Every structure is written in C-alpha cells, then in structure tokens.
Amino acid sequence: MIEVSDLTKRYGSTTAVDALSFAVAPGRVTGFLGPNGAGKSTTLRMLLALDRPTRGRALINGRPYGRLRDPLRTVGALLEASCVHGGRTARAHLRCLARTNRIPDSRVDEAIGMTGLDGVAGRRVKTFSLGMRQRLGIAAALLGDPGVLLLDEPVNGLDPEGIVWIRTLMRELAAEGRTVLVSSHLMSEAALTVDHVVVIGHGRLLAEGAVDEIVRTHAGPAGSLEEAFMRLTSGGVR
C-alpha cells in the first residue's frame, strides 16, 4: 500500500508538489498521470526518501521509506535507468545490488531472465542501448521480489516488442497482488495498461479513480482516457 497525505515540496518560491493526497492499493496497476513538469517524479522521489517533503507524509506499507527494514525487498523502483556505472557488466551491477541488500545471487539470474537480458548480461553497460538500460533498470527494481513497484516512464527507449512486454509484466505483477504505480504522460499507452489513475497538474490532484469512471465523468460515455486527461489538465489547477 502507498499512502500520500498532504504532500508538499517547495524549492524556494516554486511549489513542485502542492498538498497532494492519494492512495495506491495492491492488486491493480495504478497510473500516475500528468503533463511534463506536473510533479510526478518529485512525488516518487519523496516516496523513496530521495527528496525531503516540505510538508506532509509519503508512506509505503504504513512507514516512511527510510524506516523500512529491507527496502529493496519491499520496494522496487525505476527512476533513472542511466544511473549505472558504465564500466560494469549488467550481471555485476545486479550482483552488487543483491549482495548489499542480502539478496541471493540466484535472484540475479531470475531478474535477468525476466527482463530478457540473458544474451547481454556479460556486456558492459556503456555499450547498452537506451532500451537495454531500461530493461536493466527494471531488473534492478524486480531484484528483491518486492511487493511494491514504482516505475517512472518505464516504456522510455523500448521498442514495440519491449512496450508490449513491460505492459504485460506490470499487469502480471499486479495480478499477483503487488502494488504497482507507474508514472506516464503517454495516455495511449496508459489506456492499455492501467486499471486506476491518479491525475495531477501543477503539483495538485486533479482526479483519482477507476479508468472507466474518470473517462465517463470527464469525457463522456464514448470518450477516451486521452480526452479525459486533456480536459482535466488543459484547465489545470494553478
């Protein structure tokens, strides 16, 4: 379970996240939607204790991230896939993460297999394409077999086959009872993946609910998620 309550982040006179509150339940894929600059990544960073809130709370399973006993076993996150030492092989990178988080090496091979990196696991990361780096970032997120997953724009750099793969993977993970929160500004992709949405604009909550409910309320019975999103964000809260 993810709980965000009155979450606020200010940088000087700029408010990136403004009194944001929502919850993410297990067993479904929740889309965290908003235009570029809406505050999605900042919110995810506060959930992972990479940024400190100005006010409010960001909890995972009832606790701040910093108080989780085994963070990587509880939460898997993909924020910036390029933040990997380019001189390491993919397998070495995952083994380093595993050993510093008391995760058996056998799980490294499982994560490599789940993400389709079997044939390139021995290559240095600096030789990877953006899509391969993205798969490696997802492998790292899955390494601890976590119950909660936070994925920031996971389709970036993936080819069509990779997009179908990550879409299917997210739905399978949710079906296992995990909590999956995926941020995106691509409504066409979100419409094929998510069950529930949290829509923000200018750091504030604009709408939250099941996809069909949001579409019906904001775009009409024959509308689409993209149409509902545009109507919500074009008149955004300022």
Protein backbone atom coordinates (compact mmCIF):
# COMPACT_ATOMS: atom_id res chain seq x y z
CA MET A 1 0.00 0.00 0.00
CA ILE A 2 1.19 3.50 -0.84
CA GLU A 3 -0.25 6.48 1.03
CA VAL A 4 0.47 10.12 0.22
CA SER A 5 -1.04 12.69 2.57
CA ASP A 6 -0.85 16.49 2.21
CA LEU A 7 2.49 16.04 0.45
CA THR A 8 4.14 19.34 -0.43
CA LYS A 9 7.54 20.18 -1.87
CA ARG A 10 8.82 23.70 -2.41
CA TYR A 11 12.07 24.82 -3.99
CA GLY A 12 12.40 28.44 -2.93
CA SER A 13 9.38 30.25 -4.38
CA THR A 14 8.48 27.31 -6.65
CA THR A 15 5.96 24.73 -5.47
CA ALA A 16 6.60 21.42 -7.26
CA VAL A 17 4.05 19.36 -5.28
CA ASP A 18 1.14 21.09 -3.56
CA ALA A 19 -0.86 19.40 -0.75
CA LEU A 20 -1.11 16.15 -2.70
CA SER A 21 -3.06 13.23 -1.21
CA PHE A 22 -3.86 9.83 -2.74
CA ALA A 23 -3.57 6.09 -2.05
CA VAL A 24 -2.44 3.21 -4.23
CA ALA A 25 -3.93 -0.20 -3.47
CA PRO A 26 -2.43 -3.61 -4.27
CA GLY A 27 -3.76 -5.89 -6.97
CA ARG A 28 -4.03 -3.35 -9.78
CA VAL A 29 -1.87 -1.13 -11.96
CA THR A 30 -2.30 2.50 -10.95
CA GLY A 31 -1.31 5.15 -13.48
CA PHE A 32 0.27 8.30 -12.06
CA LEU A 33 -0.56 10.70 -14.87
CA GLY A 34 0.26 14.30 -15.58
CA PRO A 35 1.95 16.59 -18.11
CA ASN A 36 5.71 17.03 -18.04
CA GLY A 37 6.58 19.15 -15.01
CA ALA A 38 3.40 18.21 -13.14
CA GLY A 39 5.33 16.90 -10.11
CA LYS A 40 5.23 13.16 -10.80
CA SER A 41 8.95 12.48 -10.49
CA THR A 42 9.27 14.74 -7.44
CA THR A 43 6.49 12.80 -5.73
CA LEU A 44 8.20 9.48 -6.49
CA ARG A 45 11.49 10.82 -5.17
CA MET A 46 9.80 11.78 -1.90
CA LEU A 47 8.27 8.32 -1.64
CA LEU A 48 11.80 6.91 -1.92
CA ALA A 49 13.29 9.44 0.55
CA LEU A 50 15.49 10.96 -2.16
CA ASP A 51 13.84 14.34 -1.52
CA ARG A 52 12.51 15.52 1.81
CA PRO A 53 8.95 16.88 1.82
CA THR A 54 8.37 20.47 2.88
CA ARG A 55 5.18 19.17 4.49
CA GLY A 56 3.09 16.02 4.58
CA ARG A 57 3.76 12.28 4.51
CA ALA A 58 4.69 9.65 1.94
CA LEU A 59 4.29 6.12 3.31
CA ILE A 60 4.88 2.62 1.97
CA ASN A 61 3.14 -0.13 3.92
CA GLY A 62 2.48 2.43 6.66
CA ARG A 63 6.11 3.55 7.04
CA PRO A 64 8.42 6.16 5.51
CA TYR A 65 10.90 4.57 3.12
CA GLY A 66 13.80 5.33 5.48
CA ARG A 67 12.24 3.17 8.18
CA LEU A 68 11.75 0.06 6.04
CA ARG A 69 13.88 -2.84 7.31
CA ASP A 70 14.76 -4.26 3.87
CA PRO A 71 13.94 -1.51 1.36
CA LEU A 72 14.87 -3.39 -1.82
CA ARG A 73 12.80 -6.37 -0.72
CA THR A 74 9.82 -4.12 -0.06
CA VAL A 75 10.01 -1.54 -2.85
CA GLY A 76 11.39 -1.82 -6.37
CA ALA A 77 11.86 1.44 -8.23
CA LEU A 78 12.82 2.63 -11.70
CA LEU A 79 13.54 6.36 -11.75
CA GLU A 80 16.56 6.97 -13.97
CA ALA A 81 17.81 3.97 -15.93
CA SER A 82 21.07 5.70 -16.98
CA CYS A 83 22.35 5.93 -13.38
CA VAL A 84 24.53 2.81 -13.68
CA HIS A 85 28.34 2.56 -13.75
CA GLY A 86 29.07 2.12 -17.45
CA GLY A 87 32.18 0.00 -16.84
CA ARG A 88 30.28 -2.75 -15.04
CA THR A 89 28.52 -5.59 -16.74
CA ALA A 90 24.78 -5.90 -16.25
CA ARG A 91 25.27 -9.03 -14.13
CA ALA A 92 27.94 -7.36 -11.96
CA HIS A 93 25.67 -4.37 -11.37
CA LEU A 94 22.80 -6.60 -10.23
CA ARG A 95 25.10 -8.77 -8.09
CA CYS A 96 26.40 -5.68 -6.32
CA LEU A 97 22.84 -4.59 -5.53
CA ALA A 98 21.94 -8.10 -4.39
CA ARG A 99 24.89 -8.54 -2.04
CA THR A 100 24.43 -5.15 -0.39
CA ASN A 101 20.77 -5.96 0.24
CA ARG A 102 21.12 -9.58 1.42
CA ILE A 103 19.54 -10.98 -1.74
CA PRO A 104 20.86 -14.35 -3.04
CA ASP A 105 22.81 -14.39 -6.31
CA SER A 106 20.25 -16.83 -7.70
CA ARG A 107 17.76 -13.97 -7.80
CA VAL A 108 20.12 -12.06 -10.13
CA ASP A 109 19.75 -14.76 -12.77
CA GLU A 110 15.97 -14.76 -12.29
CA ALA A 111 15.77 -10.98 -12.79
CA ILE A 112 17.98 -11.21 -15.89
CA GLY A 113 15.71 -13.88 -17.33
CA MET A 114 12.52 -11.96 -16.52
CA THR A 115 13.77 -8.89 -18.37
CA GLY A 116 15.19 -10.61 -21.44
CA LEU A 117 18.81 -9.69 -20.73
CA ASP A 118 20.20 -13.24 -20.85
CA GLY A 119 22.21 -12.67 -24.01
CA VAL A 120 23.80 -9.38 -22.91
CA ALA A 121 24.25 -9.83 -19.14
CA GLY A 122 28.02 -10.13 -19.60
CA ARG A 123 28.36 -6.91 -21.58
CA ARG A 124 29.42 -3.59 -20.09
CA VAL A 125 26.50 -1.25 -19.52
CA LYS A 126 28.17 1.57 -21.50
CA THR A 127 27.58 -0.49 -24.65
CA PHE A 128 23.84 -0.78 -23.98
CA SER A 129 21.14 0.98 -25.96
CA LEU A 130 18.57 3.07 -24.07
CA GLY A 131 16.10 0.20 -24.27
CA MET A 132 18.60 -2.27 -22.81
CA ARG A 133 19.39 0.16 -19.98
CA GLN A 134 15.68 0.45 -19.33
CA ARG A 135 15.39 -3.34 -19.06
CA LEU A 136 18.36 -3.37 -16.68
CA GLY A 137 16.67 -0.72 -14.52
CA ILE A 138 13.53 -2.86 -14.42
CA ALA A 139 15.64 -5.92 -13.50
CA ALA A 140 17.08 -3.94 -10.58
CA ALA A 141 13.57 -2.95 -9.49
CA LEU A 142 12.50 -6.61 -9.52
CA LEU A 143 15.65 -7.91 -7.83
CA GLY A 144 14.28 -8.04 -4.28
CA ASP A 145 10.98 -9.61 -5.38
CA PRO A 146 9.20 -6.57 -3.85
CA GLY A 147 5.52 -6.18 -3.10
CA VAL A 148 5.54 -2.53 -4.20
CA LEU A 149 6.82 -1.20 -7.54
CA LEU A 150 7.34 2.44 -8.53
CA LEU A 151 8.08 2.86 -12.23
CA ASP A 152 8.75 6.29 -13.74
CA GLU A 153 8.06 6.32 -17.51
CA PRO A 154 9.05 2.64 -17.93
CA VAL A 155 8.41 2.50 -21.71
CA ASN A 156 11.08 5.12 -22.46
CA GLY A 157 13.52 3.75 -25.02
CA LEU A 158 11.71 0.46 -25.51
CA ASP A 159 10.84 -0.81 -28.97
CA PRO A 160 7.27 -2.00 -29.73
CA GLU A 161 8.07 -5.54 -28.55
CA GLY A 162 9.52 -4.15 -25.33
CA ILE A 163 6.47 -1.96 -24.73
CA VAL A 164 4.15 -4.96 -25.02
CA TRP A 165 6.48 -6.88 -22.69
CA ILE A 166 6.52 -4.26 -19.91
CA ARG A 167 2.78 -3.74 -20.23
CA THR A 168 2.19 -7.47 -19.77
CA LEU A 169 4.71 -7.68 -16.93
CA MET A 170 3.07 -4.88 -14.95
CA ARG A 171 -0.34 -6.48 -15.25
CA GLU A 172 1.05 -9.87 -14.20
CA LEU A 173 2.75 -8.35 -11.15
CA ALA A 174 -0.46 -6.61 -10.12
CA ALA A 175 -2.40 -9.85 -10.59
CA GLU A 176 -0.04 -11.45 -8.05
CA GLY A 177 -1.29 -8.92 -5.50
CA ARG A 178 1.53 -6.40 -5.73
CA THR A 179 1.12 -2.64 -5.62
CA VAL A 180 2.17 -1.13 -8.97
CA LEU A 181 2.40 2.63 -9.51
CA VAL A 182 3.53 3.72 -12.97
CA SER A 183 4.00 7.34 -13.97
CA SER A 184 3.39 8.40 -17.54
CA HIS A 185 2.43 11.29 -19.78
CA LEU A 186 1.52 8.92 -22.65
CA MET A 187 -2.24 8.42 -22.49
CA SER A 188 -2.44 5.95 -25.37
CA GLU A 189 -0.12 3.58 -23.53
CA ALA A 190 -1.69 4.17 -20.11
CA ALA A 191 -5.12 3.31 -21.52
CA LEU A 192 -3.82 -0.16 -22.45
CA THR A 193 -2.12 -0.80 -19.11
CA VAL A 194 -3.67 0.78 -16.03
CA ASP A 195 -6.82 -0.01 -14.06
CA HIS A 196 -6.87 3.06 -11.83
CA VAL A 197 -5.48 6.56 -12.29
CA VAL A 198 -4.21 9.46 -10.24
CA VAL A 199 -4.07 12.60 -12.39
CA ILE A 200 -2.08 15.64 -11.26
CA GLY A 201 -1.34 19.06 -12.70
CA HIS A 202 0.86 21.83 -11.31
CA GLY A 203 1.60 19.56 -8.36
CA ARG A 204 -2.05 19.19 -7.31
CA LEU A 205 -4.52 16.35 -7.53
CA LEU A 206 -6.95 16.78 -10.42
CA ALA A 207 -8.74 13.42 -10.36
CA GLU A 208 -8.47 9.93 -8.92
CA GLY A 209 -10.46 6.80 -9.68
CA ALA A 210 -11.02 3.79 -11.92
CA VAL A 211 -10.20 4.44 -15.58
CA ASP A 212 -13.77 3.93 -16.79
CA GLU A 213 -15.08 6.25 -14.08
CA ILE A 214 -12.61 9.01 -14.96
CA VAL A 215 -13.38 8.67 -18.67
CA ARG A 216 -17.16 8.70 -18.13
CA THR A 217 -17.00 11.72 -15.81
CA HIS A 218 -14.60 13.86 -17.83
CA ALA A 219 -15.00 12.69 -21.44
CA GLY A 220 -18.45 11.12 -21.65
CA PRO A 221 -19.57 7.54 -22.41
CA ALA A 222 -17.89 7.49 -25.83
CA GLY A 223 -14.76 9.31 -24.70
CA SER A 224 -11.18 8.11 -24.14
CA LEU A 225 -8.62 8.39 -21.36
CA GLU A 226 -6.63 10.80 -23.54
CA GLU A 227 -9.68 13.03 -23.96
CA ALA A 228 -10.41 12.98 -20.22
CA PHE A 229 -6.75 13.74 -19.47
CA MET A 230 -6.69 16.71 -21.85
CA ARG A 231 -9.87 18.17 -20.35
CA LEU A 232 -8.52 17.77 -16.83
CA THR A 233 -5.08 19.20 -17.49
CA SER A 234 -5.87 21.92 -20.02
CA GLY A 235 -7.74 23.85 -17.36
CA GLY A 236 -5.23 22.76 -14.74
CA VAL A 237 -5.23 23.91 -11.17
CA ARG A 238 -2.77 26.76 -10.69
